[in-house]
Each structure stands twice: as C-alpha cells, then as structure tokens.
C-alpha cells in the first residue's frame, strides 16, 4: 500500500476532481433512475433501464479510477476518500469528505472516521 504525504494527497485530490464531480452527478442520476424503475412507467427524463445500466457501468469505471489512484473510497453517499499516510510512524488516513474544499482532516487507521481530527 502506497502512502501519501499531505501535499501529495492534496495534489492527487486535485487530479481526481473531474472524476469526483462526475461520480457525484452519476450517483444522483442512478438514484433517480432506480426510483423511476420502481414506479409505474419506469422512465424519466434520464431514460429507463438501459440508461440505468449504463450509469452503473460508468460509476464502476469511476470508482476503479479512484481506487487506482491510491485513494481508498470509503463511502459513496456522501463521498468519502481516505489517503493512506503516516504521522510519526503511526498509520493514518488523510480524510476528505464530500463538501470539504480540501484535505484538512486525518484519523488513525484503526479508529476510522470517528477518530477524525484536523490536520496539524
């Protein structure tokens, strides 16, 4: 597992922004399409079953590209990314939550989100 320095994680997040933006948009589209498929008629402005399947396939591609960056996708709604790192020999994750302007938090790997603290 690769580890990131804070500056590297911030640079990687900046590189991932187009992927993140598309992922958030498609996540909303998939939710709307799924809801319409459950109701009578099964179509919306976004389409029907073929569009839902295409959206799911694209979401899978985007998730894979995030994972290939070295970031760990911990949540999809809201989007939560962790970047493996170390502080003073302690394994941590640099943590970005959808809506955060940048990476400003971390938590020990064994504590998860509940142990989230501001970056020193």
PDB file of N, CA and C in Angstrom:
ATOM      1  N   UNK A   1       0.847  -1.167   0.000  1.00  0.00           N
ATOM      2  CA  UNK A   1       0.000   0.000   0.000  1.00  0.00           C
ATOM      3  C   UNK A   1       0.900   1.241   0.000  1.00  0.00           C
ATOM      4  N   UNK A   2       0.678   2.100  -0.958  1.00  0.00           N
ATOM      5  CA  UNK A   2       1.429   3.350  -1.032  1.00  0.00           C
ATOM      6  C   UNK A   2       0.936   4.296   0.058  1.00  0.00           C
ATOM      7  N   UNK A   3       1.846   5.117   0.525  1.00  0.00           N
ATOM      8  CA  UNK A   3       1.442   6.142   1.484  1.00  0.00           C
ATOM      9  C   UNK A   3       1.668   7.513   0.862  1.00  0.00           C
ATOM     10  N   UNK A   4       0.890   8.463   1.327  1.00  0.00           N
ATOM     11  CA  UNK A   4       0.913   9.816   0.798  1.00  0.00           C
ATOM     12  C   UNK A   4       1.461  10.778   1.843  1.00  0.00           C
ATOM     13  N   UNK A   5       2.205  11.752   1.390  1.00  0.00           N
ATOM     14  CA  UNK A   5       2.476  12.947   2.185  1.00  0.00           C
ATOM     15  C   UNK A   5       1.239  13.834   2.019  1.00  0.00           C
ATOM     16  N   UNK A   6       1.030  14.764   2.931  1.00  0.00           N
ATOM     17  CA  UNK A   6      -0.148  15.635   2.850  1.00  0.00           C
ATOM     18  C   UNK A   6      -0.182  16.360   1.516  1.00  0.00           C
ATOM     19  N   UNK A   7       0.939  16.908   1.086  1.00  0.00           N
ATOM     20  CA  UNK A   7       0.973  17.651  -0.183  1.00  0.00           C
ATOM     21  C   UNK A   7       0.661  16.740  -1.369  1.00  0.00           C
ATOM     22  N   UNK A   8       1.128  15.492  -1.321  1.00  0.00           N
ATOM     23  CA  UNK A   8       0.839  14.540  -2.405  1.00  0.00           C
ATOM     24  C   UNK A   8      -0.639  14.178  -2.447  1.00  0.00           C
ATOM     25  N   UNK A   9      -1.239  13.982  -1.268  1.00  0.00           N
ATOM     26  CA  UNK A   9      -2.663  13.654  -1.205  1.00  0.00           C
ATOM     27  C   UNK A   9      -3.501  14.818  -1.738  1.00  0.00           C
ATOM     28  N   UNK A  10      -3.114  16.035  -1.388  1.00  0.00           N
ATOM     29  CA  UNK A  10      -3.850  17.207  -1.882  1.00  0.00           C
ATOM     30  C   UNK A  10      -3.720  17.326  -3.404  1.00  0.00           C
ATOM     31  N   UNK A  11      -2.537  17.043  -3.927  1.00  0.00           N
ATOM     32  CA  UNK A  11      -2.333  17.077  -5.378  1.00  0.00           C
ATOM     33  C   UNK A  11      -3.145  15.982  -6.065  1.00  0.00           C
ATOM     34  N   UNK A  12      -3.188  14.796  -5.467  1.00  0.00           N
ATOM     35  CA  UNK A  12      -3.966  13.700  -6.041  1.00  0.00           C
ATOM     36  C   UNK A  12      -5.454  14.024  -6.016  1.00  0.00           C
ATOM     37  N   UNK A  13      -5.916  14.621  -4.927  1.00  0.00           N
ATOM     38  CA  UNK A  13      -7.323  15.035  -4.845  1.00  0.00           C
ATOM     39  C   UNK A  13      -7.647  16.031  -5.955  1.00  0.00           C
ATOM     40  N   UNK A  14      -6.753  16.982  -6.200  1.00  0.00           N
ATOM     41  CA  UNK A  14      -6.966  17.959  -7.275  1.00  0.00           C
ATOM     42  C   UNK A  14      -7.063  17.256  -8.626  1.00  0.00           C
ATOM     43  N   UNK A  15      -6.227  16.242  -8.849  1.00  0.00           N
ATOM     44  CA  UNK A  15      -6.268  15.468 -10.090  1.00  0.00           C
ATOM     45  C   UNK A  15      -7.582  14.687 -10.212  1.00  0.00           C
ATOM     46  N   UNK A  16      -8.101  14.247  -9.080  1.00  0.00           N
ATOM     47  CA  UNK A  16      -9.329  13.436  -9.071  1.00  0.00           C
ATOM     48  C   UNK A  16     -10.607  14.266  -9.174  1.00  0.00           C
ATOM     49  N   UNK A  17     -10.516  15.579  -9.052  1.00  0.00           N
ATOM     50  CA  UNK A  17     -11.730  16.417  -9.022  1.00  0.00           C
ATOM     51  C   UNK A  17     -12.690  16.158 -10.183  1.00  0.00           C
ATOM     52  N   UNK A  18     -12.228  16.062 -11.438  1.00  0.00           N
ATOM     53  CA  UNK A  18     -13.185  15.780 -12.515  1.00  0.00           C
ATOM     54  C   UNK A  18     -13.883  14.422 -12.324  1.00  0.00           C
ATOM     55  N   UNK A  19     -13.148  13.442 -11.866  1.00  0.00           N
ATOM     56  CA  UNK A  19     -13.724  12.112 -11.610  1.00  0.00           C
ATOM     57  C   UNK A  19     -14.747  12.213 -10.477  1.00  0.00           C
ATOM     58  N   UNK A  20     -14.388  12.914  -9.413  1.00  0.00           N
ATOM     59  CA  UNK A  20     -15.279  13.090  -8.262  1.00  0.00           C
ATOM     60  C   UNK A  20     -16.560  13.804  -8.684  1.00  0.00           C
ATOM     61  N   UNK A  21     -16.417  14.882  -9.458  1.00  0.00           N
ATOM     62  CA  UNK A  21     -17.596  15.637  -9.903  1.00  0.00           C
ATOM     63  C   UNK A  21     -18.529  14.767 -10.734  1.00  0.00           C
ATOM     64  N   UNK A  22     -17.956  13.980 -11.647  1.00  0.00           N
ATOM     65  CA  UNK A  22     -18.780  13.092 -12.467  1.00  0.00           C
ATOM     66  C   UNK A  22     -19.420  11.999 -11.615  1.00  0.00           C
ATOM     67  N   UNK A  23     -18.669  11.480 -10.666  1.00  0.00           N
ATOM     68  CA  UNK A  23     -19.192  10.438  -9.788  1.00  0.00           C
ATOM     69  C   UNK A  23     -20.405  10.950  -8.998  1.00  0.00           C
ATOM     70  N   UNK A  24     -20.307  12.166  -8.475  1.00  0.00           N
ATOM     71  CA  UNK A  24     -21.416  12.746  -7.712  1.00  0.00           C
ATOM     72  C   UNK A  24     -22.642  12.936  -8.607  1.00  0.00           C
ATOM     73  N   UNK A  25     -22.430  13.430  -9.824  1.00  0.00           N
ATOM     74  CA  UNK A  25     -23.547  13.632 -10.757  1.00  0.00           C
ATOM     75  C   UNK A  25     -24.201  12.299 -11.126  1.00  0.00           C
ATOM     76  N   UNK A  26     -23.388  11.300 -11.447  1.00  0.00           N
ATOM     77  CA  UNK A  26     -23.930   9.998 -11.841  1.00  0.00           C
ATOM     78  C   UNK A  26     -24.594   9.273 -10.681  1.00  0.00           C
ATOM     79  N   UNK A  27     -24.096   9.496  -9.476  1.00  0.00           N
ATOM     80  CA  UNK A  27     -24.720   8.912  -8.290  1.00  0.00           C
ATOM     81  C   UNK A  27     -26.164   9.421  -8.175  1.00  0.00           C
ATOM     82  N   UNK A  28     -26.362  10.721  -8.394  1.00  0.00           N
ATOM     83  CA  UNK A  28     -27.710  11.297  -8.350  1.00  0.00           C
ATOM     84  C   UNK A  28     -28.563  10.762  -9.500  1.00  0.00           C
ATOM     85  N   UNK A  29     -27.985  10.677 -10.691  1.00  0.00           N
ATOM     86  CA  UNK A  29     -28.723  10.142 -11.840  1.00  0.00           C
ATOM     87  C   UNK A  29     -29.150   8.698 -11.577  1.00  0.00           C
ATOM     88  N   UNK A  30     -28.237   7.887 -11.027  1.00  0.00           N
ATOM     89  CA  UNK A  30     -28.552   6.483 -10.754  1.00  0.00           C
ATOM     90  C   UNK A  30     -29.674   6.365  -9.739  1.00  0.00           C
ATOM     91  N   UNK A  31     -29.658   7.221  -8.722  1.00  0.00           N
ATOM     92  CA  UNK A  31     -30.726   7.189  -7.712  1.00  0.00           C
ATOM     93  C   UNK A  31     -32.068   7.534  -8.338  1.00  0.00           C
ATOM     94  N   UNK A  32     -32.087   8.549  -9.199  1.00  0.00           N
ATOM     95  CA  UNK A  32     -33.329   8.949  -9.856  1.00  0.00           C
ATOM     96  C   UNK A  32     -33.824   7.856 -10.809  1.00  0.00           C
ATOM     97  N   UNK A  33     -32.906   7.295 -11.575  1.00  0.00           N
ATOM     98  CA  UNK A  33     -33.287   6.220 -12.488  1.00  0.00           C
ATOM     99  C   UNK A  33     -33.809   5.005 -11.725  1.00  0.00           C
ATOM    100  N   UNK A  34     -33.151   4.636 -10.643  1.00  0.00           N
ATOM    101  CA  UNK A  34     -33.598   3.484  -9.850  1.00  0.00           C
ATOM    102  C   UNK A  34     -34.996   3.723  -9.288  1.00  0.00           C
ATOM    103  N   UNK A  35     -35.238   4.926  -8.799  1.00  0.00           N
ATOM    104  CA  UNK A  35     -36.562   5.245  -8.252  1.00  0.00           C
ATOM    105  C   UNK A  35     -37.627   5.169  -9.336  1.00  0.00           C
ATOM    106  N   UNK A  36     -37.291   5.647 -10.526  1.00  0.00           N
ATOM    107  CA  UNK A  36     -38.280   5.617 -11.606  1.00  0.00           C
ATOM    108  C   UNK A  36     -38.558   4.194 -12.069  1.00  0.00           C
ATOM    109  N   UNK A  37     -37.555   3.328 -12.004  1.00  0.00           N
ATOM    110  CA  UNK A  37     -37.748   1.943 -12.419  1.00  0.00           C
ATOM    111  C   UNK A  37     -38.663   1.193 -11.450  1.00  0.00           C
ATOM    112  N   UNK A  38     -38.669   1.634 -10.185  1.00  0.00           N
ATOM    113  CA  UNK A  38     -39.532   1.002  -9.189  1.00  0.00           C
ATOM    114  C   UNK A  38     -40.984   1.467  -9.300  1.00  0.00           C
ATOM    115  N   UNK A  39     -41.180   2.626  -9.910  1.00  0.00           N
ATOM    116  CA  UNK A  39     -42.537   3.153 -10.028  1.00  0.00           C
ATOM    117  C   UNK A  39     -43.137   2.764 -11.379  1.00  0.00           C
ATOM    118  N   UNK A  40     -44.395   3.013 -11.511  1.00  0.00           N
ATOM    119  CA  UNK A  40     -45.094   2.683 -12.753  1.00  0.00           C
ATOM    120  C   UNK A  40     -44.516   3.497 -13.905  1.00  0.00           C
ATOM    121  N   UNK A  41     -44.293   2.887 -15.029  1.00  0.00           N
ATOM    122  CA  UNK A  41     -43.751   3.564 -16.197  1.00  0.00           C
ATOM    123  C   UNK A  41     -42.264   3.328 -16.363  1.00  0.00           C
ATOM    124  N   UNK A  42     -41.528   3.502 -15.286  1.00  0.00           N
ATOM    125  CA  UNK A  42     -40.121   3.164 -15.290  1.00  0.00           C
ATOM    126  C   UNK A  42     -39.207   4.041 -16.120  1.00  0.00           C
ATOM    127  N   UNK A  43     -39.633   5.244 -16.498  1.00  0.00           N
ATOM    128  CA  UNK A  43     -38.732   6.121 -17.234  1.00  0.00           C
ATOM    129  C   UNK A  43     -38.827   7.536 -16.676  1.00  0.00           C
ATOM    130  N   UNK A  44     -37.750   8.276 -16.872  1.00  0.00           N
ATOM    131  CA  UNK A  44     -37.695   9.688 -16.513  1.00  0.00           C
ATOM    132  C   UNK A  44     -37.062  10.425 -17.679  1.00  0.00           C
ATOM    133  N   UNK A  45     -36.772  11.688 -17.464  1.00  0.00           N
ATOM    134  CA  UNK A  45     -36.035  12.454 -18.475  1.00  0.00           C
ATOM    135  C   UNK A  45     -34.683  11.805 -18.744  1.00  0.00           C
ATOM    136  N   UNK A  46     -34.178  11.112 -17.741  1.00  0.00           N
ATOM    137  CA  UNK A  46     -32.868  10.470 -17.875  1.00  0.00           C
ATOM    138  C   UNK A  46     -32.930   9.152 -18.629  1.00  0.00           C
ATOM    139  N   UNK A  47     -34.127   8.598 -18.775  1.00  0.00           N
ATOM    140  CA  UNK A  47     -34.270   7.344 -19.500  1.00  0.00           C
ATOM    141  C   UNK A  47     -34.873   6.254 -18.649  1.00  0.00           C
ATOM    142  N   UNK A  48     -34.506   5.018 -18.970  1.00  0.00           N
ATOM    143  CA  UNK A  48     -35.052   3.851 -18.287  1.00  0.00           C
ATOM    144  C   UNK A  48     -33.961   2.857 -17.945  1.00  0.00           C
ATOM    145  N   UNK A  49     -34.270   1.583 -18.063  1.00  0.00           N
ATOM    146  CA  UNK A  49     -33.346   0.528 -17.669  1.00  0.00           C
ATOM    147  C   UNK A  49     -32.004   0.576 -18.421  1.00  0.00           C
ATOM    148  N   UNK A  50     -31.984   0.782 -19.743  1.00  0.00           N
ATOM    149  CA  UNK A  50     -30.681   0.825 -20.427  1.00  0.00           C
ATOM    150  C   UNK A  50     -29.790   1.955 -19.900  1.00  0.00           C
ATOM    151  N   UNK A  51     -30.396   3.105 -19.623  1.00  0.00           N
ATOM    152  CA  UNK A  51     -29.624   4.235 -19.114  1.00  0.00           C
ATOM    153  C   UNK A  51     -29.144   3.970 -17.683  1.00  0.00           C
ATOM    154  N   UNK A  52     -29.990   3.290 -16.903  1.00  0.00           N
ATOM    155  CA  UNK A  52     -29.594   2.937 -15.545  1.00  0.00           C
ATOM    156  C   UNK A  52     -28.377   2.014 -15.572  1.00  0.00           C
ATOM    157  N   UNK A  53     -28.420   1.005 -16.438  1.00  0.00           N
ATOM    158  CA  UNK A  53     -27.295   0.070 -16.543  1.00  0.00           C
ATOM    159  C   UNK A  53     -26.027   0.770 -17.034  1.00  0.00           C
ATOM    160  N   UNK A  54     -26.177   1.686 -17.975  1.00  0.00           N
ATOM    161  CA  UNK A  54     -25.021   2.439 -18.470  1.00  0.00           C
ATOM    162  C   UNK A  54     -24.451   3.338 -17.370  1.00  0.00           C
ATOM    163  N   UNK A  55     -25.322   3.928 -16.582  1.00  0.00           N
ATOM    164  CA  UNK A  55     -24.881   4.775 -15.471  1.00  0.00           C
ATOM    165  C   UNK A  55     -24.138   3.944 -14.441  1.00  0.00           C
ATOM    166  N   UNK A  56     -24.658   2.775 -14.122  1.00  0.00           N
ATOM    167  CA  UNK A  56     -23.992   1.886 -13.167  1.00  0.00           C
ATOM    168  C   UNK A  56     -22.610   1.467 -13.681  1.00  0.00           C
ATOM    169  N   UNK A  57     -22.525   1.164 -14.956  1.00  0.00           N
ATOM    170  CA  UNK A  57     -21.239   0.760 -15.538  1.00  0.00           C
ATOM    171  C   UNK A  57     -20.233   1.907 -15.467  1.00  0.00           C
ATOM    172  N   UNK A  58     -20.682   3.113 -15.763  1.00  0.00           N
ATOM    173  CA  UNK A  58     -19.778   4.272 -15.693  1.00  0.00           C
ATOM    174  C   UNK A  58     -19.366   4.545 -14.243  1.00  0.00           C
ATOM    175  N   UNK A  59     -20.291   4.401 -13.312  1.00  0.00           N
ATOM    176  CA  UNK A  59     -19.949   4.560 -11.896  1.00  0.00           C
ATOM    177  C   UNK A  59     -18.856   3.568 -11.493  1.00  0.00           C
ATOM    178  N   UNK A  60     -18.979   2.331 -11.937  1.00  0.00           N
ATOM    179  CA  UNK A  60     -17.958   1.321 -11.645  1.00  0.00           C
ATOM    180  C   UNK A  60     -16.591   1.745 -12.192  1.00  0.00           C
ATOM    181  N   UNK A  61     -16.570   2.298 -13.410  1.00  0.00           N
ATOM    182  CA  UNK A  61     -15.315   2.770 -14.000  1.00  0.00           C
ATOM    183  C   UNK A  61     -14.706   3.897 -13.166  1.00  0.00           C
ATOM    184  N   UNK A  62     -15.540   4.823 -12.726  1.00  0.00           N
ATOM    185  CA  UNK A  62     -15.054   5.948 -11.941  1.00  0.00           C
ATOM    186  C   UNK A  62     -14.523   5.495 -10.585  1.00  0.00           C
ATOM    187  N   UNK A  63     -15.223   4.570  -9.950  1.00  0.00           N
ATOM    188  CA  UNK A  63     -14.765   4.023  -8.665  1.00  0.00           C
ATOM    189  C   UNK A  63     -13.403   3.351  -8.852  1.00  0.00           C
ATOM    190  N   UNK A  64     -13.255   2.601  -9.922  1.00  0.00           N
ATOM    191  CA  UNK A  64     -11.980   1.943 -10.207  1.00  0.00           C
ATOM    192  C   UNK A  64     -10.873   2.964 -10.395  1.00  0.00           C
ATOM    193  N   UNK A  65     -11.148   4.050 -11.102  1.00  0.00           N
ATOM    194  CA  UNK A  65     -10.103   5.050 -11.315  1.00  0.00           C
ATOM    195  C   UNK A  65      -9.707   5.726 -10.008  1.00  0.00           C
ATOM    196  N   UNK A  66     -10.654   5.930  -9.093  1.00  0.00           N
ATOM    197  CA  UNK A  66     -10.317   6.478  -7.775  1.00  0.00           C
ATOM    198  C   UNK A  66      -9.421   5.498  -7.035  1.00  0.00           C
ATOM    199  N   UNK A  67      -9.797   4.241  -7.031  1.00  0.00           N
ATOM    200  CA  UNK A  67      -9.016   3.229  -6.322  1.00  0.00           C
ATOM    201  C   UNK A  67      -7.614   3.079  -6.915  1.00  0.00           C
ATOM    202  N   UNK A  68      -7.487   3.185  -8.218  1.00  0.00           N
ATOM    203  CA  UNK A  68      -6.179   3.067  -8.866  1.00  0.00           C
ATOM    204  C   UNK A  68      -5.261   4.228  -8.521  1.00  0.00           C
ATOM    205  N   UNK A  69      -5.819   5.332  -8.054  1.00  0.00           N
ATOM    206  CA  UNK A  69      -5.011   6.497  -7.675  1.00  0.00           C
ATOM    207  C   UNK A  69      -4.267   6.270  -6.362  1.00  0.00           C
ATOM    208  N   UNK A  70      -4.677   5.250  -5.620  1.00  0.00           N
ATOM    209  CA  UNK A  70      -4.107   5.005  -4.305  1.00  0.00           C
ATOM    210  C   UNK A  70      -5.017   5.457  -3.184  1.00  0.00           C
ATOM    211  N   UNK A  71      -6.026   6.249  -3.515  1.00  0.00           N
ATOM    212  CA  UNK A  71      -7.020   6.660  -2.525  1.00  0.00           C
ATOM    213  C   UNK A  71      -7.953   5.483  -2.257  1.00  0.00           C
ATOM    214  N   UNK A  72      -8.529   5.477  -1.065  1.00  0.00           N
ATOM    215  CA  UNK A  72      -9.494   4.440  -0.706  1.00  0.00           C
ATOM    216  C   UNK A  72     -10.866   5.084  -0.636  1.00  0.00           C
ATOM    217  N   UNK A  73     -11.787   4.546  -1.409  1.00  0.00           N
ATOM    218  CA  UNK A  73     -13.166   5.042  -1.405  1.00  0.00           C
ATOM    219  C   UNK A  73     -13.898   4.374  -0.253  1.00  0.00           C
ATOM    220  N   UNK A  74     -14.233   5.166   0.761  1.00  0.00           N
ATOM    221  CA  UNK A  74     -14.848   4.623   1.975  1.00  0.00           C
ATOM    222  C   UNK A  74     -16.352   4.802   2.005  1.00  0.00           C
ATOM    223  N   UNK A  75     -16.861   5.718   1.211  1.00  0.00           N
ATOM    224  CA  UNK A  75     -18.293   5.947   1.180  1.00  0.00           C
ATOM    225  C   UNK A  75     -18.681   6.609  -0.122  1.00  0.00           C
ATOM    226  N   UNK A  76     -19.878   6.298  -0.588  1.00  0.00           N
ATOM    227  CA  UNK A  76     -20.358   6.850  -1.853  1.00  0.00           C
ATOM    228  C   UNK A  76     -21.364   7.977  -1.645  1.00  0.00           C
ATOM    229  N   UNK A  77     -22.101   7.945  -0.554  1.00  0.00           N
ATOM    230  CA  UNK A  77     -23.101   8.984  -0.295  1.00  0.00           C
ATOM    231  C   UNK A  77     -23.149   9.266   1.203  1.00  0.00           C
ATOM    232  N   UNK A  78     -22.462  10.261   1.669  1.00  0.00           N
ATOM    233  CA  UNK A  78     -21.611  11.181   0.907  1.00  0.00           C
ATOM    234  C   UNK A  78     -20.290  10.514   0.522  1.00  0.00           C
ATOM    235  N   UNK A  79     -19.667  11.082  -0.480  1.00  0.00           N
ATOM    236  CA  UNK A  79     -18.387  10.577  -0.960  1.00  0.00           C
ATOM    237  C   UNK A  79     -17.331  10.805   0.112  1.00  0.00           C
ATOM    238  N   UNK A  80     -16.607   9.752   0.442  1.00  0.00           N
ATOM    239  CA  UNK A  80     -15.573   9.817   1.471  1.00  0.00           C
ATOM    240  C   UNK A  80     -14.328   9.109   0.942  1.00  0.00           C
ATOM    241  N   UNK A  81     -13.216   9.847   0.896  1.00  0.00           N
ATOM    242  CA  UNK A  81     -11.953   9.299   0.419  1.00  0.00           C
ATOM    243  C   UNK A  81     -10.922   9.348   1.531  1.00  0.00           C
ATOM    244  N   UNK A  82     -10.153   8.283   1.660  1.00  0.00           N
ATOM    245  CA  UNK A  82      -9.028   8.223   2.581  1.00  0.00           C
ATOM    246  C   UNK A  82      -7.756   7.994   1.784  1.00  0.00           C
ATOM    247  N   UNK A  83      -6.701   8.708   2.186  1.00  0.00           N
ATOM    248  CA  UNK A  83      -5.392   8.561   1.569  1.00  0.00           C
ATOM    249  C   UNK A  83      -4.452   8.016   2.640  1.00  0.00           C
ATOM    250  N   UNK A  84      -3.927   6.804   2.476  1.00  0.00           N
ATOM    251  CA  UNK A  84      -3.031   6.232   3.476  1.00  0.00           C
ATOM    252  C   UNK A  84      -1.801   7.116   3.687  1.00  0.00           C
ATOM    253  N   UNK A  85      -1.439   7.296   4.949  1.00  0.00           N
ATOM    254  CA  UNK A  85      -0.286   8.127   5.302  1.00  0.00           C
ATOM    255  C   UNK A  85       0.268   7.647   6.638  1.00  0.00           C
ATOM    256  N   UNK A  86       1.303   8.329   7.105  1.00  0.00           N
ATOM    257  CA  UNK A  86       1.862   8.062   8.432  1.00  0.00           C
ATOM    258  C   UNK A  86       2.213   9.386   9.077  1.00  0.00           C
ATOM    259  N   UNK A  87       1.921   9.506  10.362  1.00  0.00           N
ATOM    260  CA  UNK A  87       2.368  10.634  11.166  1.00  0.00           C
ATOM    261  C   UNK A  87       3.181  10.072  12.312  1.00  0.00           C
ATOM    262  N   UNK A  88       4.450  10.424  12.375  1.00  0.00           N
ATOM    263  CA  UNK A  88       5.339   9.961  13.440  1.00  0.00           C
ATOM    264  C   UNK A  88       5.296   8.440  13.598  1.00  0.00           C
ATOM    265  N   UNK A  89       5.279   7.731  12.472  1.00  0.00           N
ATOM    266  CA  UNK A  89       5.280   6.271  12.492  1.00  0.00           C
ATOM    267  C   UNK A  89       3.927   5.638  12.756  1.00  0.00           C
ATOM    268  N   UNK A  90       2.897   6.455  12.959  1.00  0.00           N
ATOM    269  CA  UNK A  90       1.549   5.937  13.225  1.00  0.00           C
ATOM    270  C   UNK A  90       0.768   5.906  11.910  1.00  0.00           C
ATOM    271  N   UNK A  91       0.223   4.750  11.517  1.00  0.00           N
ATOM    272  CA  UNK A  91      -0.573   4.685  10.287  1.00  0.00           C
ATOM    273  C   UNK A  91      -1.863   5.497  10.434  1.00  0.00           C
ATOM    274  N   UNK A  92      -2.075   6.396   9.492  1.00  0.00           N
ATOM    275  CA  UNK A  92      -3.273   7.248   9.491  1.00  0.00           C
ATOM    276  C   UNK A  92      -3.863   7.283   8.088  1.00  0.00           C
ATOM    277  N   UNK A  93      -5.046   7.835   8.006  1.00  0.00           N
ATOM    278  CA  UNK A  93      -5.654   8.162   6.720  1.00  0.00           C
ATOM    279  C   UNK A  93      -5.872   9.662   6.681  1.00  0.00           C
ATOM    280  N   UNK A  94      -5.444  10.281   5.595  1.00  0.00           N
ATOM    281  CA  UNK A  94      -5.797  11.662   5.319  1.00  0.00           C
ATOM    282  C   UNK A  94      -7.200  11.598   4.735  1.00  0.00           C
ATOM    283  N   UNK A  95      -8.099  12.359   5.289  1.00  0.00           N
ATOM    284  CA  UNK A  95      -9.521  12.144   5.056  1.00  0.00           C
ATOM    285  C   UNK A  95     -10.150  13.318   4.314  1.00  0.00           C
ATOM    286  N   UNK A  96     -10.870  13.029   3.236  1.00  0.00           N
ATOM    287  CA  UNK A  96     -11.633  14.043   2.504  1.00  0.00           C
ATOM    288  C   UNK A  96     -13.081  13.583   2.431  1.00  0.00           C
ATOM    289  N   UNK A  97     -13.982  14.469   2.831  1.00  0.00           N
ATOM    290  CA  UNK A  97     -15.415  14.211   2.804  1.00  0.00           C
ATOM    291  C   UNK A  97     -16.063  15.153   1.802  1.00  0.00           C
ATOM    292  N   UNK A  98     -16.975  14.635   1.007  1.00  0.00           N
ATOM    293  CA  UNK A  98     -17.698  15.448   0.032  1.00  0.00           C
ATOM    294  C   UNK A  98     -18.152  16.757   0.685  1.00  0.00           C
ATOM    295  N   UNK A  99     -17.849  17.843   0.022  1.00  0.00           N
ATOM    296  CA  UNK A  99     -18.181  19.155   0.554  1.00  0.00           C
ATOM    297  C   UNK A  99     -16.976  19.866   1.153  1.00  0.00           C
ATOM    298  N   UNK A 100     -15.956  19.103   1.566  1.00  0.00           N
ATOM    299  CA  UNK A 100     -14.733  19.713   2.071  1.00  0.00           C
ATOM    300  C   UNK A 100     -13.998  20.362   0.900  1.00  0.00           C
ATOM    301  N   UNK A 101     -13.475  21.580   1.083  1.00  0.00           N
ATOM    302  CA  UNK A 101     -12.755  22.211  -0.024  1.00  0.00           C
ATOM    303  C   UNK A 101     -11.416  21.545  -0.319  1.00  0.00           C
ATOM    304  N   UNK A 102     -10.817  20.917   0.686  1.00  0.00           N
ATOM    305  CA  UNK A 102      -9.514  20.288   0.523  1.00  0.00           C
ATOM    306  C   UNK A 102      -9.348  19.241   1.625  1.00  0.00           C
ATOM    307  N   UNK A 103      -8.235  18.561   1.635  1.00  0.00           N
ATOM    308  CA  UNK A 103      -7.941  17.605   2.705  1.00  0.00           C
ATOM    309  C   UNK A 103      -7.474  18.412   3.921  1.00  0.00           C
ATOM    310  N   UNK A 104      -8.231  18.343   4.986  1.00  0.00           N
ATOM    311  CA  UNK A 104      -7.905  19.101   6.191  1.00  0.00           C
ATOM    312  C   UNK A 104      -8.034  18.238   7.444  1.00  0.00           C
ATOM    313  N   UNK A 105      -8.294  16.943   7.272  1.00  0.00           N
ATOM    314  CA  UNK A 105      -8.544  16.041   8.391  1.00  0.00           C
ATOM    315  C   UNK A 105      -7.744  14.762   8.238  1.00  0.00           C
ATOM    316  N   UNK A 106      -7.543  14.084   9.338  1.00  0.00           N
ATOM    317  CA  UNK A 106      -6.924  12.763   9.329  1.00  0.00           C
ATOM    318  C   UNK A 106      -7.519  11.951  10.479  1.00  0.00           C
ATOM    319  N   UNK A 107      -7.307  10.648  10.428  1.00  0.00           N
ATOM    320  CA  UNK A 107      -7.669   9.781  11.551  1.00  0.00           C
ATOM    321  C   UNK A 107      -6.747   8.576  11.540  1.00  0.00           C
ATOM    322  N   UNK A 108      -6.516   8.018  12.717  1.00  0.00           N
ATOM    323  CA  UNK A 108      -5.748   6.783  12.782  1.00  0.00           C
ATOM    324  C   UNK A 108      -6.488   5.718  11.998  1.00  0.00           C
ATOM    325  N   UNK A 109      -5.749   4.846  11.346  1.00  0.00           N
ATOM    326  CA  UNK A 109      -6.384   3.797  10.530  1.00  0.00           C
ATOM    327  C   UNK A 109      -7.247   2.870  11.367  1.00  0.00           C
ATOM    328  N   UNK A 110      -6.847   2.635  12.623  1.00  0.00           N
ATOM    329  CA  UNK A 110      -7.610   1.713  13.457  1.00  0.00           C
ATOM    330  C   UNK A 110      -8.844   2.359  14.088  1.00  0.00           C
ATOM    331  N   UNK A 111      -8.989   3.674  13.978  1.00  0.00           N
ATOM    332  CA  UNK A 111     -10.135   4.353  14.578  1.00  0.00           C
ATOM    333  C   UNK A 111     -11.213   4.722  13.567  1.00  0.00           C
ATOM    334  N   UNK A 112     -10.837   4.928  12.328  1.00  0.00           N
ATOM    335  CA  UNK A 112     -11.810   5.298  11.318  1.00  0.00           C
ATOM    336  C   UNK A 112     -12.335   6.713  11.516  1.00  0.00           C
ATOM    337  N   UNK A 113     -13.436   6.996  10.860  1.00  0.00           N
ATOM    338  CA  UNK A 113     -13.999   8.345  10.798  1.00  0.00           C
ATOM    339  C   UNK A 113     -14.282   8.923  12.181  1.00  0.00           C
ATOM    340  N   UNK A 114     -14.642   8.088  13.144  1.00  0.00           N
ATOM    341  CA  UNK A 114     -14.959   8.563  14.487  1.00  0.00           C
ATOM    342  C   UNK A 114     -13.751   9.219  15.153  1.00  0.00           C
ATOM    343  N   UNK A 115     -12.553   8.869  14.718  1.00  0.00           N
ATOM    344  CA  UNK A 115     -11.345   9.443  15.286  1.00  0.00           C
ATOM    345  C   UNK A 115     -10.790  10.620  14.484  1.00  0.00           C
ATOM    346  N   UNK A 116     -11.605  11.199  13.629  1.00  0.00           N
ATOM    347  CA  UNK A 116     -11.194  12.269  12.717  1.00  0.00           C
ATOM    348  C   UNK A 116     -10.764  13.518  13.497  1.00  0.00           C
ATOM    349  N   UNK A 117      -9.595  14.053  13.093  1.00  0.00           N
ATOM    350  CA  UNK A 117      -9.039  15.257  13.725  1.00  0.00           C
ATOM    351  C   UNK A 117      -8.537  16.196  12.636  1.00  0.00           C
ATOM    352  N   UNK A 118      -8.490  17.501  12.937  1.00  0.00           N
ATOM    353  CA  UNK A 118      -7.909  18.443  11.956  1.00  0.00           C
ATOM    354  C   UNK A 118      -6.418  18.156  11.765  1.00  0.00           C
ATOM    355  N   UNK A 119      -5.935  18.362  10.565  1.00  0.00           N
ATOM    356  CA  UNK A 119      -4.503  18.208  10.299  1.00  0.00           C
ATOM    357  C   UNK A 119      -3.715  19.169  11.180  1.00  0.00           C
ATOM    358  N   UNK A 120      -2.567  18.718  11.677  1.00  0.00           N
ATOM    359  CA  UNK A 120      -1.745  19.632  12.499  1.00  0.00           C
ATOM    360  C   UNK A 120      -1.154  20.766  11.662  1.00  0.00           C
TER     361      UNK A 120
END
